[in-house]
Amino acid sequence: MRDVFVILGNGFSIDFLNHLKQSECNAEQIALSNLFENGELVPWPGDGTPGFLSYKHCPNLWTLGARPNLGAKETIDLIENIITCANALNNRPRNVDSIYMKAYKELVTYLKALFIFYNDKVNVPNVNLEDWGWSKYLIKLNNDPSINKVHIVTLNYDIWLERILKKNNIDFSIANFEEDKDIILYKPHGSISFSHGVEKVKDVFEISYEHDVLDGKLSEFTVKYEGLTALNSINAMVPPAGDSNRLDFAWASEIRKSISEISQSLKSNDELVICGTSYWHVDRLEIDRILTSINSDISDVKVINPNSPDVFNAVITTLFENVKFFKNSNPLA
């Protein structure tokens, strides 16, 4: 019996949406490479009307230049500046009245509302996944009697993977929330499905710059797939910039510990699959920690990425000898 260990980055969700763009769904209205592009369409949690990314609701983000017509590079540059400020002040006993810190609190709530908005645009039960390599691969893993466990570490906030598994009648569990099943998902960057026990009142919803708490223990959250909302007192999301490890949220630390225990236990006959990781500085240290904890003799390492970064190619072939590179997921199935 062998285990399969999978690491999924943003490229997995992009590949899924690219597949859907061939059919009738609204995938073309989803922009994962520019998080501000559809900001004016995202509903404000307080009243459900469009316009979250606006001066009315996000005066600090807006003043710093956040606009729906901002280019992808300018958007990530601005987010990088905001998150880097949060990194610098994380857990430091310093009272700072900074526009960047206020913008950070707006950004975290905005990101959850954005991905809930995108989630509602894809009716996964009705889409055709028969020809999509990842869907076929997940079914293959689920039906393979030689596989003991499948561990999937996903850095994505969305829940399309969970919905794809459900569509294919594949049972799974979310690590640290429920008892392990044969397929286990780990979400160290958070998820729109992580729901905090305290929910703000919708009619008087506002982003409280002075009193909002940003962190909580995992026991304060449950996993929900219906009735998703950004009204939660704490939104469990590690923003996609800065240094993800420096925002050492308690809930994320618990999940990372579980990932470390599993990665260290992998044996030489197990399988490692890595898909769509940018290996940008945001999560480079986190990915390095996972990869360097895995047995270097693991016999089967697959990298799925049409444009795998040269620096990642250099690192992965330094750490492992048995590496194969694929442009898409079709060879997996």
Protein backbone atom coordinates (compact mmCIF):
# COMPACT_ATOMS: atom_id res chain seq x y z
CA MET A 1 0.00 0.00 0.00
CA ARG A 2 1.26 3.49 -0.78
CA ASP A 3 0.30 7.06 -0.06
CA VAL A 4 -0.07 9.92 -2.53
CA PHE A 5 0.88 13.43 -1.42
CA VAL A 6 -0.41 16.29 -3.60
CA ILE A 7 0.39 20.02 -3.36
CA LEU A 8 -1.99 22.33 -5.25
CA GLY A 9 -1.41 26.01 -5.98
CA ASN A 10 -3.42 28.63 -7.82
CA GLY A 11 -2.68 26.87 -11.10
CA PHE A 12 -5.09 24.07 -10.17
CA SER A 13 -8.04 26.47 -9.94
CA ILE A 14 -6.93 28.27 -13.13
CA ASP A 15 -6.77 24.93 -14.97
CA PHE A 16 -10.26 24.08 -13.71
CA LEU A 17 -11.66 27.41 -14.94
CA ASN A 18 -9.89 27.10 -18.28
CA HIS A 19 -11.59 23.74 -18.73
CA LEU A 20 -14.97 25.28 -17.91
CA LYS A 21 -14.48 28.14 -20.36
CA GLN A 22 -15.04 25.57 -23.12
CA SER A 23 -18.62 25.10 -21.91
CA GLU A 24 -21.60 27.24 -20.95
CA CYS A 25 -20.70 28.40 -17.46
CA ASN A 26 -19.63 31.80 -16.14
CA ALA A 27 -15.94 30.91 -15.75
CA GLU A 28 -14.89 33.79 -18.02
CA GLN A 29 -16.24 36.21 -15.40
CA ILE A 30 -13.74 34.92 -12.83
CA ALA A 31 -10.32 36.59 -12.67
CA LEU A 32 -7.84 34.82 -10.40
CA SER A 33 -4.78 36.66 -11.71
CA ASN A 34 -6.13 40.13 -10.83
CA LEU A 35 -8.01 40.17 -7.52
CA PHE A 36 -9.37 43.71 -7.99
CA GLU A 37 -10.64 43.26 -11.57
CA ASN A 38 -14.22 42.41 -10.56
CA GLY A 39 -14.19 44.30 -7.27
CA GLU A 40 -17.09 46.59 -8.15
CA LEU A 41 -19.31 43.52 -8.68
CA VAL A 42 -18.56 41.90 -5.32
CA PRO A 43 -21.52 42.28 -2.90
CA TRP A 44 -21.02 44.19 0.33
CA PRO A 45 -21.82 41.72 3.17
CA GLY A 46 -24.00 44.27 4.94
CA ASP A 47 -26.67 44.62 2.25
CA GLY A 48 -25.75 42.18 -0.52
CA THR A 49 -25.49 44.90 -3.18
CA PRO A 50 -22.51 45.23 -5.57
CA GLY A 51 -19.73 47.70 -4.85
CA PHE A 52 -17.51 46.19 -2.17
CA LEU A 53 -14.37 47.62 -3.80
CA SER A 54 -15.38 51.27 -3.57
CA TYR A 55 -14.53 54.37 -1.59
CA LYS A 56 -17.74 53.88 0.38
CA HIS A 57 -16.79 50.48 1.77
CA CYS A 58 -12.99 50.39 1.40
CA PRO A 59 -11.78 53.99 1.80
CA ASN A 60 -8.26 52.96 2.70
CA LEU A 61 -7.79 50.46 -0.12
CA TRP A 62 -9.30 53.01 -2.51
CA THR A 63 -7.06 55.82 -1.32
CA LEU A 64 -4.02 53.59 -1.81
CA GLY A 65 -5.10 53.05 -5.42
CA ALA A 66 -7.19 49.86 -5.46
CA ARG A 67 -9.41 50.02 -8.54
CA PRO A 68 -11.22 47.46 -10.73
CA ASN A 69 -9.33 48.82 -13.75
CA LEU A 70 -5.93 48.34 -12.17
CA GLY A 71 -3.62 45.98 -14.06
CA ALA A 72 -2.67 42.60 -12.63
CA LYS A 73 0.89 43.68 -11.79
CA GLU A 74 -0.20 46.94 -10.18
CA THR A 75 -2.79 45.02 -8.16
CA ILE A 76 -0.37 42.48 -6.75
CA ASP A 77 2.21 45.23 -6.12
CA LEU A 78 -0.32 47.12 -3.99
CA ILE A 79 -1.41 43.99 -2.14
CA GLU A 80 2.26 43.17 -1.57
CA ASN A 81 2.86 46.59 0.04
CA ILE A 82 -0.14 46.16 2.34
CA ILE A 83 0.72 42.65 3.43
CA THR A 84 4.38 43.48 3.96
CA CYS A 85 3.30 46.16 6.46
CA ALA A 86 1.13 43.56 8.23
CA ASN A 87 4.12 41.18 8.25
CA ALA A 88 6.32 43.80 9.87
CA LEU A 89 3.83 44.49 12.65
CA ASN A 90 2.61 40.94 13.21
CA ASN A 91 2.49 40.15 16.93
CA ARG A 92 4.47 43.31 17.70
CA PRO A 93 3.21 45.35 20.67
CA ARG A 94 3.00 48.59 18.70
CA ASN A 95 -0.09 50.74 18.32
CA VAL A 96 0.00 52.03 14.74
CA ASP A 97 -2.72 54.10 13.11
CA SER A 98 -1.62 53.37 9.55
CA ILE A 99 -3.62 53.51 6.35
CA TYR A 100 -1.89 50.30 5.28
CA MET A 101 -3.07 48.40 8.37
CA LYS A 102 -6.61 49.67 7.89
CA ALA A 103 -6.39 48.65 4.23
CA TYR A 104 -5.19 45.20 5.36
CA LYS A 105 -8.37 44.68 7.39
CA GLU A 106 -10.47 45.76 4.41
CA LEU A 107 -8.49 43.45 2.12
CA VAL A 108 -8.96 40.29 4.21
CA THR A 109 -12.74 40.73 4.34
CA TYR A 110 -12.82 41.69 0.64
CA LEU A 111 -10.93 38.52 -0.36
CA LYS A 112 -13.42 36.27 1.39
CA ALA A 113 -16.36 38.11 -0.19
CA LEU A 114 -14.64 37.93 -3.61
CA PHE A 115 -14.10 34.17 -3.53
CA ILE A 116 -17.64 33.55 -2.27
CA PHE A 117 -18.82 35.69 -5.21
CA TYR A 118 -16.75 33.56 -7.59
CA ASN A 119 -17.88 30.32 -5.96
CA ASP A 120 -21.49 31.15 -6.74
CA LYS A 121 -20.69 31.58 -10.44
CA VAL A 122 -19.81 27.93 -11.03
CA ASN A 123 -22.53 25.30 -10.76
CA VAL A 124 -20.16 22.37 -10.32
CA PRO A 125 -22.84 19.63 -10.21
CA ASN A 126 -23.92 20.63 -13.72
CA VAL A 127 -20.53 21.02 -15.41
CA ASN A 128 -18.97 18.34 -17.57
CA LEU A 129 -15.70 17.08 -16.11
CA GLU A 130 -15.44 13.81 -18.04
CA ASP A 131 -12.54 15.06 -20.17
CA TRP A 132 -10.71 17.00 -17.48
CA GLY A 133 -7.48 15.31 -16.44
CA TRP A 134 -7.65 16.23 -12.76
CA SER A 135 -11.18 14.90 -12.37
CA LYS A 136 -10.18 11.61 -13.98
CA TYR A 137 -7.05 11.42 -11.83
CA LEU A 138 -8.99 11.96 -8.59
CA ILE A 139 -11.43 9.20 -9.57
CA LYS A 140 -8.49 6.94 -10.44
CA LEU A 141 -6.87 7.54 -7.04
CA ASN A 142 -10.14 6.91 -5.24
CA ASN A 143 -10.66 3.58 -7.02
CA ASP A 144 -7.08 2.30 -6.75
CA PRO A 145 -6.94 -0.50 -4.12
CA SER A 146 -3.15 -0.15 -3.84
CA ILE A 147 -3.45 3.35 -2.37
CA ASN A 148 -3.74 3.76 1.38
CA LYS A 149 -4.25 7.52 1.77
CA VAL A 150 -4.32 10.56 -0.51
CA HIS A 151 -3.14 13.75 1.20
CA ILE A 152 -3.94 16.95 -0.71
CA VAL A 153 -2.41 20.23 0.47
CA THR A 154 -4.23 23.06 -1.28
CA LEU A 155 -3.12 26.67 -0.96
CA ASN A 156 -6.37 27.87 -2.53
CA TYR A 157 -9.18 29.68 -0.71
CA ASP A 158 -11.87 28.38 -3.05
CA ILE A 159 -13.82 25.17 -2.51
CA TRP A 160 -13.96 24.00 -6.12
CA LEU A 161 -11.82 20.98 -5.26
CA GLU A 162 -14.27 19.94 -2.55
CA ARG A 163 -17.19 20.42 -4.93
CA ILE A 164 -15.43 18.40 -7.66
CA LEU A 165 -14.86 15.54 -5.20
CA LYS A 166 -18.52 15.63 -4.18
CA LYS A 167 -19.65 15.65 -7.82
CA ASN A 168 -17.58 12.50 -8.37
CA ASN A 169 -18.98 10.87 -5.19
CA ILE A 170 -15.51 10.80 -3.64
CA ASP A 171 -15.57 10.91 0.14
CA PHE A 172 -13.01 13.16 1.84
CA SER A 173 -12.22 14.91 5.09
CA ILE A 174 -10.76 18.28 6.02
CA ALA A 175 -7.67 17.87 8.20
CA ASN A 176 -7.92 19.13 11.78
CA PHE A 177 -11.71 19.47 11.54
CA GLU A 178 -12.88 15.86 11.29
CA GLU A 179 -11.66 12.29 11.48
CA ASP A 180 -9.37 11.35 8.60
CA LYS A 181 -10.84 9.53 5.63
CA ASP A 182 -8.99 7.99 2.67
CA ILE A 183 -8.69 11.38 0.98
CA ILE A 184 -7.65 14.22 3.29
CA LEU A 185 -7.53 17.93 2.39
CA TYR A 186 -5.21 20.36 4.18
CA LYS A 187 -5.87 24.10 3.76
CA PRO A 188 -3.03 26.02 5.45
CA HIS A 189 -3.91 29.32 3.73
CA GLY A 190 -7.53 29.15 4.89
CA SER A 191 -10.76 28.76 2.99
CA ILE A 192 -14.05 30.44 2.33
CA SER A 193 -15.54 27.33 3.97
CA PHE A 194 -13.89 28.07 7.34
CA SER A 195 -16.64 29.69 9.39
CA HIS A 196 -15.87 31.41 12.67
CA GLY A 197 -18.28 30.90 15.56
CA VAL A 198 -18.96 34.62 15.92
CA GLU A 199 -20.89 36.26 13.10
CA LYS A 200 -21.52 39.99 12.80
CA VAL A 201 -25.04 41.40 12.45
CA LYS A 202 -25.71 41.90 8.75
CA ASP A 203 -27.72 45.11 8.96
CA VAL A 204 -25.01 46.96 10.89
CA PHE A 205 -22.01 45.23 9.32
CA GLU A 206 -18.84 47.27 9.17
CA ILE A 207 -15.09 46.70 9.17
CA SER A 208 -13.93 47.72 12.63
CA TYR A 209 -10.41 49.05 12.28
CA GLU A 210 -9.85 49.38 16.01
CA HIS A 211 -11.30 46.22 17.43
CA ASP A 212 -11.37 43.51 14.77
CA VAL A 213 -9.44 40.41 15.84
CA LEU A 214 -7.52 38.73 13.00
CA ASP A 215 -6.57 35.42 14.56
CA GLY A 216 -8.23 32.52 16.35
CA LYS A 217 -7.75 28.90 17.27
CA LEU A 218 -8.95 26.25 14.85
CA SER A 219 -11.47 25.07 17.45
CA GLU A 220 -13.31 28.38 16.95
CA PHE A 221 -14.10 27.46 13.33
CA THR A 222 -16.34 24.94 11.59
CA VAL A 223 -16.44 23.92 7.93
CA LYS A 224 -19.49 25.07 5.95
CA TYR A 225 -20.27 24.65 2.27
CA GLU A 226 -23.66 26.32 2.25
CA GLY A 227 -24.63 29.79 3.39
CA LEU A 228 -21.09 31.11 2.92
CA THR A 229 -20.61 34.60 4.30
CA ALA A 230 -17.95 37.24 4.96
CA LEU A 231 -19.86 38.37 8.06
CA ASN A 232 -17.67 36.17 10.26
CA SER A 233 -15.84 37.99 13.03
CA ILE A 234 -12.59 36.34 11.89
CA ASN A 235 -11.97 35.40 8.26
CA ALA A 236 -9.40 32.61 8.06
CA MET A 237 -7.43 33.72 5.01
CA VAL A 238 -3.66 34.09 4.61
CA PRO A 239 -3.40 36.92 2.03
CA PRO A 240 -1.63 36.12 -1.27
CA ALA A 241 1.42 38.34 -0.80
CA GLY A 242 4.16 39.20 1.66
CA ASP A 243 5.59 36.21 3.54
CA SER A 244 2.86 33.69 4.43
CA ASN A 245 4.91 32.24 7.30
CA ARG A 246 5.29 35.56 9.09
CA LEU A 247 1.53 35.81 9.56
CA ASP A 248 1.69 32.99 12.08
CA PHE A 249 -2.03 32.61 12.67
CA ALA A 250 -2.87 30.04 15.34
CA TRP A 251 -5.37 28.21 13.13
CA ALA A 252 -2.85 27.99 10.26
CA SER A 253 -0.09 26.74 12.56
CA GLU A 254 -2.23 23.79 13.61
CA ILE A 255 -2.82 22.79 9.99
CA ARG A 256 0.86 23.23 9.06
CA LYS A 257 1.84 20.94 11.93
CA SER A 258 -0.42 18.21 10.53
CA ILE A 259 1.10 18.66 7.06
CA SER A 260 4.60 18.37 8.49
CA GLU A 261 3.78 15.14 10.30
CA ILE A 262 2.43 13.56 7.12
CA SER A 263 5.20 14.78 4.78
CA GLN A 264 7.86 13.40 7.13
CA SER A 265 6.15 10.01 7.18
CA LEU A 266 6.18 9.49 3.40
CA LYS A 267 8.07 6.41 2.25
CA SER A 268 10.19 5.74 -0.83
CA ASN A 269 7.37 3.94 -2.65
CA ASP A 270 4.91 6.82 -2.17
CA GLU A 271 4.01 9.41 -4.81
CA LEU A 272 4.45 13.20 -4.77
CA VAL A 273 2.46 15.43 -7.15
CA ILE A 274 2.90 19.21 -7.32
CA CYS A 275 0.56 21.35 -9.43
CA GLY A 276 0.39 25.04 -10.25
CA THR A 277 2.61 26.50 -7.56
CA SER A 278 4.14 29.83 -8.51
CA TYR A 279 7.01 29.30 -6.03
CA TRP A 280 6.84 33.03 -5.52
CA HIS A 281 8.42 34.42 -2.35
CA VAL A 282 4.97 34.41 -0.67
CA ASP A 283 4.91 30.67 -0.13
CA ARG A 284 8.48 29.66 -1.09
CA LEU A 285 9.63 29.08 2.48
CA GLU A 286 6.44 27.13 3.27
CA ILE A 287 6.83 24.89 0.21
CA ASP A 288 10.55 24.41 0.89
CA ARG A 289 9.75 23.22 4.43
CA ILE A 290 7.32 20.65 3.08
CA LEU A 291 9.58 19.42 0.27
CA THR A 292 12.72 19.16 2.39
CA SER A 293 10.86 17.09 4.96
CA ILE A 294 9.98 14.46 2.34
CA ASN A 295 12.21 11.43 1.83
CA SER A 296 14.59 12.27 -1.04
CA ASP A 297 14.34 8.66 -2.26
CA ILE A 298 10.63 8.93 -3.01
CA SER A 299 10.26 7.03 -6.25
CA ASP A 300 7.67 9.06 -8.11
CA VAL A 301 7.61 12.87 -8.26
CA LYS A 302 5.39 14.63 -10.79
CA VAL A 303 5.25 18.37 -11.48
CA ILE A 304 2.16 19.63 -13.34
CA ASN A 305 2.64 23.14 -14.66
CA PRO A 306 2.64 24.53 -18.24
CA ASN A 307 5.11 27.21 -17.17
CA SER A 308 6.99 25.79 -14.22
CA PRO A 309 9.38 28.51 -12.94
CA ASP A 310 13.06 27.84 -13.63
CA VAL A 311 13.96 28.42 -10.00
CA PHE A 312 11.43 25.81 -8.89
CA ASN A 313 12.69 23.36 -11.51
CA ALA A 314 16.20 23.83 -10.14
CA VAL A 315 15.09 23.26 -6.55
CA ILE A 316 12.86 20.24 -7.17
CA THR A 317 15.55 18.45 -9.20
CA THR A 318 18.05 19.23 -6.45
CA LEU A 319 15.85 17.69 -3.78
CA PHE A 320 14.61 14.66 -5.75
CA GLU A 321 16.03 12.46 -8.51
CA ASN A 322 12.83 10.89 -9.81
CA VAL A 323 11.10 13.98 -11.16
CA LYS A 324 8.85 14.11 -14.21
CA PHE A 325 7.42 17.34 -15.65
CA PHE A 326 4.04 17.60 -17.39
CA LYS A 327 2.35 20.56 -19.08
CA ASN A 328 -1.12 19.48 -17.93
CA SER A 329 -2.92 16.84 -15.89
CA ASN A 330 -3.90 14.54 -18.78
CA PRO A 331 -0.91 12.16 -18.32
CA LEU A 332 -1.96 11.61 -14.68
CA ALA A 333 -5.23 10.04 -15.69
